Amino acid sequence: MADPMPKIKSIAITNLARSVVGWPARMLFPPVCAGCRRHVSQPGVLCGACWPKLRLLERPWCPVMGTPFTHHMGEGFLSAEAIADPPPFERARAAVAYSGVARQMVQGLKYQDRT
């Protein structure tokens, strides 16, 4: 069996190099909230003000399109869109409603190169 120490040392050196190189970048370009552009502790997170503004989608929803329903329609009930124009996929669903902060984040990613 091969000695794992050289691989562990290689990983440790790589991580150290990333942190040394990344430090000046974090000073020049500090991480910001994806919703409002306020400074946050780490990249890729939302600030405390934006997180509660996300509207998480909950059941009931169409099992094919993921369209939220106002009330439970029964097991296996499909949305009108899924019946009228069946999609080429089995199912899809979003985690949050496309409004407010979620909309700003998606549009920032698509049109303003905010990654």
PDB file of N, CA and C in Angstrom:
ATOM      1  N   MET A   1       0.848  -1.182   0.000  1.00  0.00           N
ATOM      2  CA  MET A   1       0.000   0.000   0.000  1.00  0.00           C
ATOM      3  C   MET A   1       0.890   1.240   0.000  1.00  0.00           C
ATOM      4  N   ALA A   2       0.522   2.233  -0.777  1.00  0.00           N
ATOM      5  CA  ALA A   2       1.325   3.454  -0.910  1.00  0.00           C
ATOM      6  C   ALA A   2       1.218   4.308   0.349  1.00  0.00           C
ATOM      7  N   ASP A   3       2.289   5.001   0.645  1.00  0.00           N
ATOM      8  CA  ASP A   3       2.343   5.887   1.807  1.00  0.00           C
ATOM      9  C   ASP A   3       1.493   7.131   1.529  1.00  0.00           C
ATOM     10  N   PRO A   4       0.469   7.436   2.364  1.00  0.00           N
ATOM     11  CA  PRO A   4      -0.405   8.587   2.115  1.00  0.00           C
ATOM     12  C   PRO A   4       0.226   9.931   2.497  1.00  0.00           C
ATOM     13  N   MET A   5       1.355   9.919   3.190  1.00  0.00           N
ATOM     14  CA  MET A   5       1.954  11.172   3.670  1.00  0.00           C
ATOM     15  C   MET A   5       2.315  12.155   2.554  1.00  0.00           C
ATOM     16  N   PRO A   6       2.925  11.721   1.437  1.00  0.00           N
ATOM     17  CA  PRO A   6       3.239  12.696   0.387  1.00  0.00           C
ATOM     18  C   PRO A   6       1.988  13.403  -0.141  1.00  0.00           C
ATOM     19  N   LYS A   7       0.887  12.673  -0.287  1.00  0.00           N
ATOM     20  CA  LYS A   7      -0.359  13.280  -0.774  1.00  0.00           C
ATOM     21  C   LYS A   7      -0.905  14.269   0.252  1.00  0.00           C
ATOM     22  N   ILE A   8      -0.859  13.920   1.524  1.00  0.00           N
ATOM     23  CA  ILE A   8      -1.340  14.808   2.584  1.00  0.00           C
ATOM     24  C   ILE A   8      -0.503  16.081   2.617  1.00  0.00           C
ATOM     25  N   LYS A   9       0.817  15.938   2.497  1.00  0.00           N
ATOM     26  CA  LYS A   9       1.695  17.113   2.486  1.00  0.00           C
ATOM     27  C   LYS A   9       1.410  17.991   1.275  1.00  0.00           C
ATOM     28  N   SER A  10       1.163  17.371   0.131  1.00  0.00           N
ATOM     29  CA  SER A  10       0.860  18.115  -1.091  1.00  0.00           C
ATOM     30  C   SER A  10      -0.430  18.917  -0.928  1.00  0.00           C
ATOM     31  N   ILE A  11      -1.438  18.309  -0.335  1.00  0.00           N
ATOM     32  CA  ILE A  11      -2.712  18.997  -0.099  1.00  0.00           C
ATOM     33  C   ILE A  11      -2.511  20.155   0.866  1.00  0.00           C
ATOM     34  N   ALA A  12      -1.736  19.941   1.925  1.00  0.00           N
ATOM     35  CA  ALA A  12      -1.477  20.998   2.909  1.00  0.00           C
ATOM     36  C   ALA A  12      -0.744  22.174   2.272  1.00  0.00           C
ATOM     37  N   ILE A  13       0.235  21.894   1.435  1.00  0.00           N
ATOM     38  CA  ILE A  13       0.985  22.966   0.765  1.00  0.00           C
ATOM     39  C   ILE A  13       0.074  23.730  -0.195  1.00  0.00           C
ATOM     40  N   THR A  14      -0.776  23.010  -0.919  1.00  0.00           N
ATOM     41  CA  THR A  14      -1.716  23.656  -1.839  1.00  0.00           C
ATOM     42  C   THR A  14      -2.670  24.569  -1.082  1.00  0.00           C
ATOM     43  N   ASN A  15      -3.209  24.091   0.037  1.00  0.00           N
ATOM     44  CA  ASN A  15      -4.125  24.909   0.839  1.00  0.00           C
ATOM     45  C   ASN A  15      -3.428  26.145   1.392  1.00  0.00           C
ATOM     46  N   LEU A  16      -2.190  25.987   1.841  1.00  0.00           N
ATOM     47  CA  LEU A  16      -1.423  27.122   2.353  1.00  0.00           C
ATOM     48  C   LEU A  16      -1.186  28.147   1.245  1.00  0.00           C
ATOM     49  N   ALA A  17      -0.816  27.668   0.066  1.00  0.00           N
ATOM     50  CA  ALA A  17      -0.575  28.577  -1.064  1.00  0.00           C
ATOM     51  C   ALA A  17      -1.847  29.329  -1.438  1.00  0.00           C
ATOM     52  N   ARG A  18      -2.984  28.645  -1.431  1.00  0.00           N
ATOM     53  CA  ARG A  18      -4.258  29.309  -1.747  1.00  0.00           C
ATOM     54  C   ARG A  18      -4.581  30.393  -0.733  1.00  0.00           C
ATOM     55  N   SER A  19      -4.357  30.116   0.540  1.00  0.00           N
ATOM     56  CA  SER A  19      -4.682  31.115   1.558  1.00  0.00           C
ATOM     57  C   SER A  19      -3.743  32.308   1.477  1.00  0.00           C
ATOM     58  N   VAL A  20      -2.462  32.072   1.173  1.00  0.00           N
ATOM     59  CA  VAL A  20      -1.500  33.175   1.049  1.00  0.00           C
ATOM     60  C   VAL A  20      -1.832  34.036  -0.165  1.00  0.00           C
ATOM     61  N   VAL A  21      -2.134  33.398  -1.281  1.00  0.00           N
ATOM     62  CA  VAL A  21      -2.469  34.138  -2.501  1.00  0.00           C
ATOM     63  C   VAL A  21      -3.847  34.787  -2.365  1.00  0.00           C
ATOM     64  N   GLY A  22      -4.767  34.116  -1.698  1.00  0.00           N
ATOM     65  CA  GLY A  22      -6.127  34.625  -1.575  1.00  0.00           C
ATOM     66  C   GLY A  22      -6.273  35.792  -0.624  1.00  0.00           C
ATOM     67  N   TRP A  23      -5.372  35.935   0.340  1.00  0.00           N
ATOM     68  CA  TRP A  23      -5.480  37.010   1.323  1.00  0.00           C
ATOM     69  C   TRP A  23      -5.497  38.396   0.683  1.00  0.00           C
ATOM     70  N   PRO A  24      -4.554  38.732  -0.203  1.00  0.00           N
ATOM     71  CA  PRO A  24      -4.618  40.061  -0.832  1.00  0.00           C
ATOM     72  C   PRO A  24      -5.891  40.259  -1.657  1.00  0.00           C
ATOM     73  N   ALA A  25      -6.346  39.200  -2.306  1.00  0.00           N
ATOM     74  CA  ALA A  25      -7.575  39.310  -3.098  1.00  0.00           C
ATOM     75  C   ALA A  25      -8.766  39.611  -2.199  1.00  0.00           C
ATOM     76  N   ARG A  26      -8.821  38.963  -1.027  1.00  0.00           N
ATOM     77  CA  ARG A  26      -9.926  39.230  -0.097  1.00  0.00           C
ATOM     78  C   ARG A  26      -9.860  40.647   0.459  1.00  0.00           C
ATOM     79  N   MET A  27      -8.650  41.195   0.592  1.00  0.00           N
ATOM     80  CA  MET A  27      -8.501  42.573   1.077  1.00  0.00           C
ATOM     81  C   MET A  27      -8.944  43.572   0.005  1.00  0.00           C
ATOM     82  N   LEU A  28      -8.591  43.293  -1.242  1.00  0.00           N
ATOM     83  CA  LEU A  28      -8.966  44.189  -2.340  1.00  0.00           C
ATOM     84  C   LEU A  28     -10.424  44.022  -2.752  1.00  0.00           C
ATOM     85  N   PHE A  29     -10.907  42.793  -2.717  1.00  0.00           N
ATOM     86  CA  PHE A  29     -12.272  42.479  -3.126  1.00  0.00           C
ATOM     87  C   PHE A  29     -12.957  41.671  -2.031  1.00  0.00           C
ATOM     88  N   PRO A  30     -13.393  42.322  -0.958  1.00  0.00           N
ATOM     89  CA  PRO A  30     -14.012  41.575   0.144  1.00  0.00           C
ATOM     90  C   PRO A  30     -15.323  40.928  -0.304  1.00  0.00           C
ATOM     91  N   PRO A  31     -15.697  39.815   0.319  1.00  0.00           N
ATOM     92  CA  PRO A  31     -16.940  39.148  -0.072  1.00  0.00           C
ATOM     93  C   PRO A  31     -18.152  40.019   0.235  1.00  0.00           C
ATOM     94  N   VAL A  32     -19.128  39.963  -0.666  1.00  0.00           N
ATOM     95  CA  VAL A  32     -20.346  40.752  -0.500  1.00  0.00           C
ATOM     96  C   VAL A  32     -21.567  39.850  -0.623  1.00  0.00           C
ATOM     97  N   CYS A  33     -22.657  40.307  -0.060  1.00  0.00           N
ATOM     98  CA  CYS A  33     -23.934  39.600  -0.122  1.00  0.00           C
ATOM     99  C   CYS A  33     -24.395  39.545  -1.578  1.00  0.00           C
ATOM    100  N   ALA A  34     -24.874  38.397  -2.005  1.00  0.00           N
ATOM    101  CA  ALA A  34     -25.341  38.240  -3.383  1.00  0.00           C
ATOM    102  C   ALA A  34     -26.634  39.001  -3.635  1.00  0.00           C
ATOM    103  N   GLY A  35     -27.339  39.398  -2.573  1.00  0.00           N
ATOM    104  CA  GLY A  35     -28.594  40.111  -2.743  1.00  0.00           C
ATOM    105  C   GLY A  35     -28.459  41.615  -2.740  1.00  0.00           C
ATOM    106  N   CYS A  36     -27.697  42.160  -1.777  1.00  0.00           N
ATOM    107  CA  CYS A  36     -27.650  43.620  -1.614  1.00  0.00           C
ATOM    108  C   CYS A  36     -26.253  44.208  -1.737  1.00  0.00           C
ATOM    109  N   ARG A  37     -25.243  43.373  -1.891  1.00  0.00           N
ATOM    110  CA  ARG A  37     -23.853  43.803  -2.063  1.00  0.00           C
ATOM    111  C   ARG A  37     -23.224  44.361  -0.786  1.00  0.00           C
ATOM    112  N   ARG A  38     -23.808  44.113   0.390  1.00  0.00           N
ATOM    113  CA  ARG A  38     -23.169  44.489   1.660  1.00  0.00           C
ATOM    114  C   ARG A  38     -22.040  43.516   1.950  1.00  0.00           C
ATOM    115  N   HIS A  39     -21.068  43.965   2.740  1.00  0.00           N
ATOM    116  CA  HIS A  39     -19.957  43.090   3.112  1.00  0.00           C
ATOM    117  C   HIS A  39     -20.458  41.971   4.025  1.00  0.00           C
ATOM    118  N   VAL A  40     -19.963  40.748   3.751  1.00  0.00           N
ATOM    119  CA  VAL A  40     -20.305  39.575   4.556  1.00  0.00           C
ATOM    120  C   VAL A  40     -19.022  38.854   4.957  1.00  0.00           C
ATOM    121  N   SER A  41     -19.142  37.847   5.806  1.00  0.00           N
ATOM    122  CA  SER A  41     -17.964  37.166   6.349  1.00  0.00           C
ATOM    123  C   SER A  41     -17.259  36.258   5.353  1.00  0.00           C
ATOM    124  N   GLN A  42     -17.996  35.672   4.432  1.00  0.00           N
ATOM    125  CA  GLN A  42     -17.381  34.758   3.472  1.00  0.00           C
ATOM    126  C   GLN A  42     -18.110  34.836   2.135  1.00  0.00           C
ATOM    127  N   PRO A  43     -17.439  34.460   1.053  1.00  0.00           N
ATOM    128  CA  PRO A  43     -18.071  34.537  -0.264  1.00  0.00           C
ATOM    129  C   PRO A  43     -19.225  33.552  -0.408  1.00  0.00           C
ATOM    130  N   GLY A  44     -20.200  33.928  -1.209  1.00  0.00           N
ATOM    131  CA  GLY A  44     -21.292  33.023  -1.535  1.00  0.00           C
ATOM    132  C   GLY A  44     -22.393  32.932  -0.505  1.00  0.00           C
ATOM    133  N   VAL A  45     -22.492  33.905   0.409  1.00  0.00           N
ATOM    134  CA  VAL A  45     -23.551  33.872   1.413  1.00  0.00           C
ATOM    135  C   VAL A  45     -24.412  35.127   1.306  1.00  0.00           C
ATOM    136  N   LEU A  46     -25.599  35.043   1.880  1.00  0.00           N
ATOM    137  CA  LEU A  46     -26.481  36.203   1.970  1.00  0.00           C
ATOM    138  C   LEU A  46     -26.325  36.834   3.343  1.00  0.00           C
ATOM    139  N   CYS A  47     -26.551  38.126   3.418  1.00  0.00           N
ATOM    140  CA  CYS A  47     -26.473  38.817   4.709  1.00  0.00           C
ATOM    141  C   CYS A  47     -27.727  38.494   5.528  1.00  0.00           C
ATOM    142  N   GLY A  48     -27.709  38.882   6.778  1.00  0.00           N
ATOM    143  CA  GLY A  48     -28.829  38.619   7.675  1.00  0.00           C
ATOM    144  C   GLY A  48     -30.096  39.339   7.282  1.00  0.00           C
ATOM    145  N   ALA A  49     -29.987  40.426   6.520  1.00  0.00           N
ATOM    146  CA  ALA A  49     -31.174  41.161   6.081  1.00  0.00           C
ATOM    147  C   ALA A  49     -31.811  40.520   4.848  1.00  0.00           C
ATOM    148  N   CYS A  50     -31.003  39.939   3.970  1.00  0.00           N
ATOM    149  CA  CYS A  50     -31.526  39.368   2.718  1.00  0.00           C
ATOM    150  C   CYS A  50     -32.079  37.952   2.888  1.00  0.00           C
ATOM    151  N   TRP A  51     -31.467  37.150   3.746  1.00  0.00           N
ATOM    152  CA  TRP A  51     -31.896  35.752   3.894  1.00  0.00           C
ATOM    153  C   TRP A  51     -33.384  35.619   4.227  1.00  0.00           C
ATOM    154  N   PRO A  52     -33.918  36.376   5.209  1.00  0.00           N
ATOM    155  CA  PRO A  52     -35.343  36.209   5.512  1.00  0.00           C
ATOM    156  C   PRO A  52     -36.268  36.707   4.401  1.00  0.00           C
ATOM    157  N   LYS A  53     -35.742  37.471   3.463  1.00  0.00           N
ATOM    158  CA  LYS A  53     -36.565  37.980   2.361  1.00  0.00           C
ATOM    159  C   LYS A  53     -36.791  36.937   1.267  1.00  0.00           C
ATOM    160  N   LEU A  54     -36.025  35.841   1.297  1.00  0.00           N
ATOM    161  CA  LEU A  54     -36.250  34.768   0.327  1.00  0.00           C
ATOM    162  C   LEU A  54     -37.549  34.056   0.680  1.00  0.00           C
ATOM    163  N   ARG A  55     -38.410  33.853  -0.317  1.00  0.00           N
ATOM    164  CA  ARG A  55     -39.657  33.128  -0.075  1.00  0.00           C
ATOM    165  C   ARG A  55     -39.459  31.682  -0.509  1.00  0.00           C
ATOM    166  N   LEU A  56     -39.186  30.816   0.472  1.00  0.00           N
ATOM    167  CA  LEU A  56     -38.987  29.391   0.189  1.00  0.00           C
ATOM    168  C   LEU A  56     -40.308  28.771  -0.243  1.00  0.00           C
ATOM    169  N   LEU A  57     -40.272  27.991  -1.310  1.00  0.00           N
ATOM    170  CA  LEU A  57     -41.489  27.353  -1.806  1.00  0.00           C
ATOM    171  C   LEU A  57     -41.758  26.089  -1.006  1.00  0.00           C
ATOM    172  N   GLU A  58     -43.003  25.931  -0.615  1.00  0.00           N
ATOM    173  CA  GLU A  58     -43.414  24.768   0.170  1.00  0.00           C
ATOM    174  C   GLU A  58     -44.550  24.054  -0.540  1.00  0.00           C
ATOM    175  N   ARG A  59     -44.771  22.817  -0.157  1.00  0.00           N
ATOM    176  CA  ARG A  59     -45.889  22.065  -0.724  1.00  0.00           C
ATOM    177  C   ARG A  59     -47.186  22.790  -0.414  1.00  0.00           C
ATOM    178  N   PRO A  60     -48.166  22.654  -1.236  1.00  0.00           N
ATOM    179  CA  PRO A  60     -48.299  21.805  -2.410  1.00  0.00           C
ATOM    180  C   PRO A  60     -47.784  22.488  -3.682  1.00  0.00           C
ATOM    181  N   TRP A  61     -47.269  21.667  -4.598  1.00  0.00           N
ATOM    182  CA  TRP A  61     -46.838  22.163  -5.897  1.00  0.00           C
ATOM    183  C   TRP A  61     -47.067  21.075  -6.943  1.00  0.00           C
ATOM    184  N   CYS A  62     -47.053  21.473  -8.191  1.00  0.00           N
ATOM    185  CA  CYS A  62     -47.203  20.533  -9.306  1.00  0.00           C
ATOM    186  C   CYS A  62     -45.993  19.608  -9.321  1.00  0.00           C
ATOM    187  N   PRO A  63     -46.196  18.287  -9.362  1.00  0.00           N
ATOM    188  CA  PRO A  63     -45.062  17.371  -9.338  1.00  0.00           C
ATOM    189  C   PRO A  63     -44.208  17.408 -10.610  1.00  0.00           C
ATOM    190  N   VAL A  64     -44.700  17.993 -11.690  1.00  0.00           N
ATOM    191  CA  VAL A  64     -43.934  18.071 -12.937  1.00  0.00           C
ATOM    192  C   VAL A  64     -43.267  19.428 -13.081  1.00  0.00           C
ATOM    193  N   MET A  65     -44.042  20.500 -13.015  1.00  0.00           N
ATOM    194  CA  MET A  65     -43.520  21.849 -13.259  1.00  0.00           C
ATOM    195  C   MET A  65     -43.013  22.540 -11.996  1.00  0.00           C
ATOM    196  N   GLY A  66     -43.443  22.065 -10.834  1.00  0.00           N
ATOM    197  CA  GLY A  66     -43.037  22.705  -9.588  1.00  0.00           C
ATOM    198  C   GLY A  66     -43.822  23.964  -9.282  1.00  0.00           C
ATOM    199  N   THR A  67     -44.858  24.232 -10.057  1.00  0.00           N
ATOM    200  CA  THR A  67     -45.687  25.420  -9.851  1.00  0.00           C
ATOM    201  C   THR A  67     -46.403  25.309  -8.510  1.00  0.00           C
ATOM    202  N   PRO A  68     -46.271  26.322  -7.633  1.00  0.00           N
ATOM    203  CA  PRO A  68     -46.945  26.225  -6.334  1.00  0.00           C
ATOM    204  C   PRO A  68     -48.466  26.364  -6.472  1.00  0.00           C
ATOM    205  N   PHE A  69     -49.183  25.575  -5.691  1.00  0.00           N
ATOM    206  CA  PHE A  69     -50.640  25.676  -5.617  1.00  0.00           C
ATOM    207  C   PHE A  69     -51.009  26.430  -4.348  1.00  0.00           C
ATOM    208  N   THR A  70     -52.174  27.072  -4.347  1.00  0.00           N
ATOM    209  CA  THR A  70     -52.618  27.800  -3.153  1.00  0.00           C
ATOM    210  C   THR A  70     -53.094  26.847  -2.065  1.00  0.00           C
ATOM    211  N   HIS A  71     -53.634  25.697  -2.461  1.00  0.00           N
ATOM    212  CA  HIS A  71     -54.050  24.691  -1.484  1.00  0.00           C
ATOM    213  C   HIS A  71     -53.870  23.300  -2.088  1.00  0.00           C
ATOM    214  N   HIS A  72     -53.912  22.281  -1.241  1.00  0.00           N
ATOM    215  CA  HIS A  72     -53.674  20.902  -1.677  1.00  0.00           C
ATOM    216  C   HIS A  72     -54.791  20.460  -2.617  1.00  0.00           C
ATOM    217  N   MET A  73     -54.417  19.990  -3.814  1.00  0.00           N
ATOM    218  CA  MET A  73     -55.391  19.602  -4.831  1.00  0.00           C
ATOM    219  C   MET A  73     -55.553  18.081  -4.921  1.00  0.00           C
ATOM    220  N   GLY A  74     -54.829  17.359  -4.121  1.00  0.00           N
ATOM    221  CA  GLY A  74     -54.872  15.904  -4.192  1.00  0.00           C
ATOM    222  C   GLY A  74     -53.569  15.370  -4.752  1.00  0.00           C
ATOM    223  N   GLU A  75     -53.274  14.143  -4.425  1.00  0.00           N
ATOM    224  CA  GLU A  75     -52.019  13.525  -4.844  1.00  0.00           C
ATOM    225  C   GLU A  75     -51.970  13.371  -6.361  1.00  0.00           C
ATOM    226  N   GLY A  76     -50.852  13.765  -6.969  1.00  0.00           N
ATOM    227  CA  GLY A  76     -50.662  13.600  -8.406  1.00  0.00           C
ATOM    228  C   GLY A  76     -51.354  14.634  -9.269  1.00  0.00           C
ATOM    229  N   PHE A  77     -51.965  15.650  -8.669  1.00  0.00           N
ATOM    230  CA  PHE A  77     -52.653  16.697  -9.434  1.00  0.00           C
ATOM    231  C   PHE A  77     -51.618  17.532 -10.178  1.00  0.00           C
ATOM    232  N   LEU A  78     -51.806  17.728 -11.486  1.00  0.00           N
ATOM    233  CA  LEU A  78     -50.875  18.490 -12.310  1.00  0.00           C
ATOM    234  C   LEU A  78     -51.402  19.891 -12.581  1.00  0.00           C
ATOM    235  N   SER A  79     -50.479  20.819 -12.774  1.00  0.00           N
ATOM    236  CA  SER A  79     -50.863  22.186 -13.133  1.00  0.00           C
ATOM    237  C   SER A  79     -51.407  22.198 -14.556  1.00  0.00           C
ATOM    238  N   ALA A  80     -52.171  23.236 -14.885  1.00  0.00           N
ATOM    239  CA  ALA A  80     -52.745  23.363 -16.224  1.00  0.00           C
ATOM    240  C   ALA A  80     -51.645  23.410 -17.280  1.00  0.00           C
ATOM    241  N   GLU A  81     -50.543  24.065 -16.970  1.00  0.00           N
ATOM    242  CA  GLU A  81     -49.431  24.171 -17.915  1.00  0.00           C
ATOM    243  C   GLU A  81     -48.821  22.799 -18.208  1.00  0.00           C
ATOM    244  N   ALA A  82     -48.675  21.971 -17.189  1.00  0.00           N
ATOM    245  CA  ALA A  82     -48.096  20.637 -17.375  1.00  0.00           C
ATOM    246  C   ALA A  82     -49.013  19.740 -18.202  1.00  0.00           C
ATOM    247  N   ILE A  83     -50.316  19.966 -18.103  1.00  0.00           N
ATOM    248  CA  ILE A  83     -51.274  19.169 -18.873  1.00  0.00           C
ATOM    249  C   ILE A  83     -51.346  19.673 -20.316  1.00  0.00           C
ATOM    250  N   ALA A  84     -51.454  20.994 -20.491  1.00  0.00           N
ATOM    251  CA  ALA A  84     -51.630  21.576 -21.825  1.00  0.00           C
ATOM    252  C   ALA A  84     -50.386  21.445 -22.693  1.00  0.00           C
ATOM    253  N   ASP A  85     -49.220  21.621 -22.102  1.00  0.00           N
ATOM    254  CA  ASP A  85     -47.970  21.585 -22.866  1.00  0.00           C
ATOM    255  C   ASP A  85     -46.926  20.808 -22.063  1.00  0.00           C
ATOM    256  N   PRO A  86     -47.007  19.478 -22.074  1.00  0.00           N
ATOM    257  CA  PRO A  86     -46.081  18.676 -21.264  1.00  0.00           C
ATOM    258  C   PRO A  86     -44.620  18.976 -21.617  1.00  0.00           C
ATOM    259  N   PRO A  87     -43.793  19.177 -20.607  1.00  0.00           N
ATOM    260  CA  PRO A  87     -42.386  19.504 -20.868  1.00  0.00           C
ATOM    261  C   PRO A  87     -41.596  18.262 -21.289  1.00  0.00           C
ATOM    262  N   PRO A  88     -40.411  18.462 -21.870  1.00  0.00           N
ATOM    263  CA  PRO A  88     -39.591  17.322 -22.292  1.00  0.00           C
ATOM    264  C   PRO A  88     -38.810  16.678 -21.144  1.00  0.00           C
ATOM    265  N   PHE A  89     -39.063  17.106 -19.910  1.00  0.00           N
ATOM    266  CA  PHE A  89     -38.373  16.555 -18.744  1.00  0.00           C
ATOM    267  C   PHE A  89     -39.392  15.937 -17.802  1.00  0.00           C
ATOM    268  N   GLU A  90     -38.899  15.119 -16.873  1.00  0.00           N
ATOM    269  CA  GLU A  90     -39.784  14.442 -15.936  1.00  0.00           C
ATOM    270  C   GLU A  90     -40.338  15.367 -14.863  1.00  0.00           C
ATOM    271  N   ARG A  91     -39.433  16.178 -14.286  1.00  0.00           N
ATOM    272  CA  ARG A  91     -39.881  17.114 -13.254  1.00  0.00           C
ATOM    273  C   ARG A  91     -38.830  18.197 -13.022  1.00  0.00           C
ATOM    274  N   ALA A  92     -39.301  19.329 -12.533  1.00  0.00           N
ATOM    275  CA  ALA A  92     -38.419  20.449 -12.201  1.00  0.00           C
ATOM    276  C   ALA A  92     -39.058  21.222 -11.054  1.00  0.00           C
ATOM    277  N   ARG A  93     -38.197  21.848 -10.263  1.00  0.00           N
ATOM    278  CA  ARG A  93     -38.731  22.631  -9.148  1.00  0.00           C
ATOM    279  C   ARG A  93     -37.686  23.623  -8.676  1.00  0.00           C
ATOM    280  N   ALA A  94     -38.137  24.799  -8.301  1.00  0.00           N
ATOM    281  CA  ALA A  94     -37.257  25.811  -7.726  1.00  0.00           C
ATOM    282  C   ALA A  94     -37.337  25.726  -6.204  1.00  0.00           C
ATOM    283  N   ALA A  95     -36.308  26.191  -5.541  1.00  0.00           N
ATOM    284  CA  ALA A  95     -36.299  26.201  -4.079  1.00  0.00           C
ATOM    285  C   ALA A  95     -36.973  27.451  -3.534  1.00  0.00           C
ATOM    286  N   VAL A  96     -36.872  28.556  -4.289  1.00  0.00           N
ATOM    287  CA  VAL A  96     -37.432  29.831  -3.840  1.00  0.00           C
ATOM    288  C   VAL A  96     -38.246  30.462  -4.958  1.00  0.00           C
ATOM    289  N   ALA A  97     -39.160  31.348  -4.576  1.00  0.00           N
ATOM    290  CA  ALA A  97     -39.955  32.086  -5.558  1.00  0.00           C
ATOM    291  C   ALA A  97     -39.073  33.099  -6.268  1.00  0.00           C
ATOM    292  N   TYR A  98     -39.314  33.268  -7.555  1.00  0.00           N
ATOM    293  CA  TYR A  98     -38.530  34.207  -8.367  1.00  0.00           C
ATOM    294  C   TYR A  98     -39.087  35.612  -8.157  1.00  0.00           C
ATOM    295  N   SER A  99     -38.733  36.188  -7.015  1.00  0.00           N
ATOM    296  CA  SER A  99     -39.164  37.547  -6.685  1.00  0.00           C
ATOM    297  C   SER A  99     -38.185  38.131  -5.674  1.00  0.00           C
ATOM    298  N   GLY A 100     -38.179  39.445  -5.557  1.00  0.00           N
ATOM    299  CA  GLY A 100     -37.352  40.118  -4.563  1.00  0.00           C
ATOM    300  C   GLY A 100     -35.875  39.797  -4.681  1.00  0.00           C
ATOM    301  N   VAL A 101     -35.292  39.339  -3.579  1.00  0.00           N
ATOM    302  CA  VAL A 101     -33.858  39.049  -3.507  1.00  0.00           C
ATOM    303  C   VAL A 101     -33.470  37.948  -4.494  1.00  0.00           C
ATOM    304  N   ALA A 102     -34.285  36.902  -4.613  1.00  0.00           N
ATOM    305  CA  ALA A 102     -33.966  35.807  -5.540  1.00  0.00           C
ATOM    306  C   ALA A 102     -33.906  36.328  -6.972  1.00  0.00           C
ATOM    307  N   ARG A 103     -34.829  37.184  -7.327  1.00  0.00           N
ATOM    308  CA  ARG A 103     -34.838  37.758  -8.678  1.00  0.00           C
ATOM    309  C   ARG A 103     -33.596  38.614  -8.917  1.00  0.00           C
ATOM    310  N   GLN A 104     -33.223  39.430  -7.931  1.00  0.00           N
ATOM    311  CA  GLN A 104     -32.020  40.266  -8.048  1.00  0.00           C
ATOM    312  C   GLN A 104     -30.776  39.403  -8.235  1.00  0.00           C
ATOM    313  N   MET A 105     -30.693  38.298  -7.497  1.00  0.00           N
ATOM    314  CA  MET A 105     -29.524  37.419  -7.598  1.00  0.00           C
ATOM    315  C   MET A 105     -29.446  36.762  -8.974  1.00  0.00           C
ATOM    316  N   VAL A 106     -30.567  36.265  -9.471  1.00  0.00           N
ATOM    317  CA  VAL A 106     -30.570  35.610 -10.784  1.00  0.00           C
ATOM    318  C   VAL A 106     -30.235  36.613 -11.880  1.00  0.00           C
ATOM    319  N   GLN A 107     -30.835  37.796 -11.812  1.00  0.00           N
ATOM    320  CA  GLN A 107     -30.549  38.806 -12.833  1.00  0.00           C
ATOM    321  C   GLN A 107     -29.107  39.293 -12.743  1.00  0.00           C
ATOM    322  N   GLY A 108     -28.562  39.389 -11.535  1.00  0.00           N
ATOM    323  CA  GLY A 108     -27.159  39.756 -11.380  1.00  0.00           C
ATOM    324  C   GLY A 108     -26.239  38.722 -11.993  1.00  0.00           C
ATOM    325  N   LEU A 109     -26.582  37.455 -11.832  1.00  0.00           N
ATOM    326  CA  LEU A 109     -25.791  36.373 -12.416  1.00  0.00           C
ATOM    327  C   LEU A 109     -25.887  36.389 -13.938  1.00  0.00           C
ATOM    328  N   LYS A 110     -27.101  36.599 -14.455  1.00  0.00           N
ATOM    329  CA  LYS A 110     -27.305  36.550 -15.903  1.00  0.00           C
ATOM    330  C   LYS A 110     -26.772  37.778 -16.632  1.00  0.00           C
ATOM    331  N   TYR A 111     -27.035  38.956 -16.091  1.00  0.00           N
ATOM    332  CA  TYR A 111     -26.789  40.181 -16.854  1.00  0.00           C
ATOM    333  C   TYR A 111     -25.621  41.027 -16.363  1.00  0.00           C
ATOM    334  N   GLN A 112     -25.183  40.828 -15.118  1.00  0.00           N
ATOM    335  CA  GLN A 112     -24.132  41.686 -14.570  1.00  0.00           C
ATOM    336  C   GLN A 112     -22.895  40.902 -14.165  1.00  0.00           C
ATOM    337  N   ASP A 113     -22.815  39.646 -14.564  1.00  0.00           N
ATOM    338  CA  ASP A 113     -21.646  38.802 -14.306  1.00  0.00           C
ATOM    339  C   ASP A 113     -21.297  38.713 -12.824  1.00  0.00           C
ATOM    340  N   ARG A 114     -22.319  38.677 -11.974  1.00  0.00           N
ATOM    341  CA  ARG A 114     -22.082  38.507 -10.531  1.00  0.00           C
ATOM    342  C   ARG A 114     -22.091  37.024 -10.221  1.00  0.00           C
ATOM    343  N   THR A 115     -20.921  36.484  -9.991  1.00  0.00           N
ATOM    344  CA  THR A 115     -20.840  35.055  -9.685  1.00  0.00           C
ATOM    345  C   THR A 115     -20.400  34.839  -8.264  1.00  0.00           C
TER     346      THR A 115
END
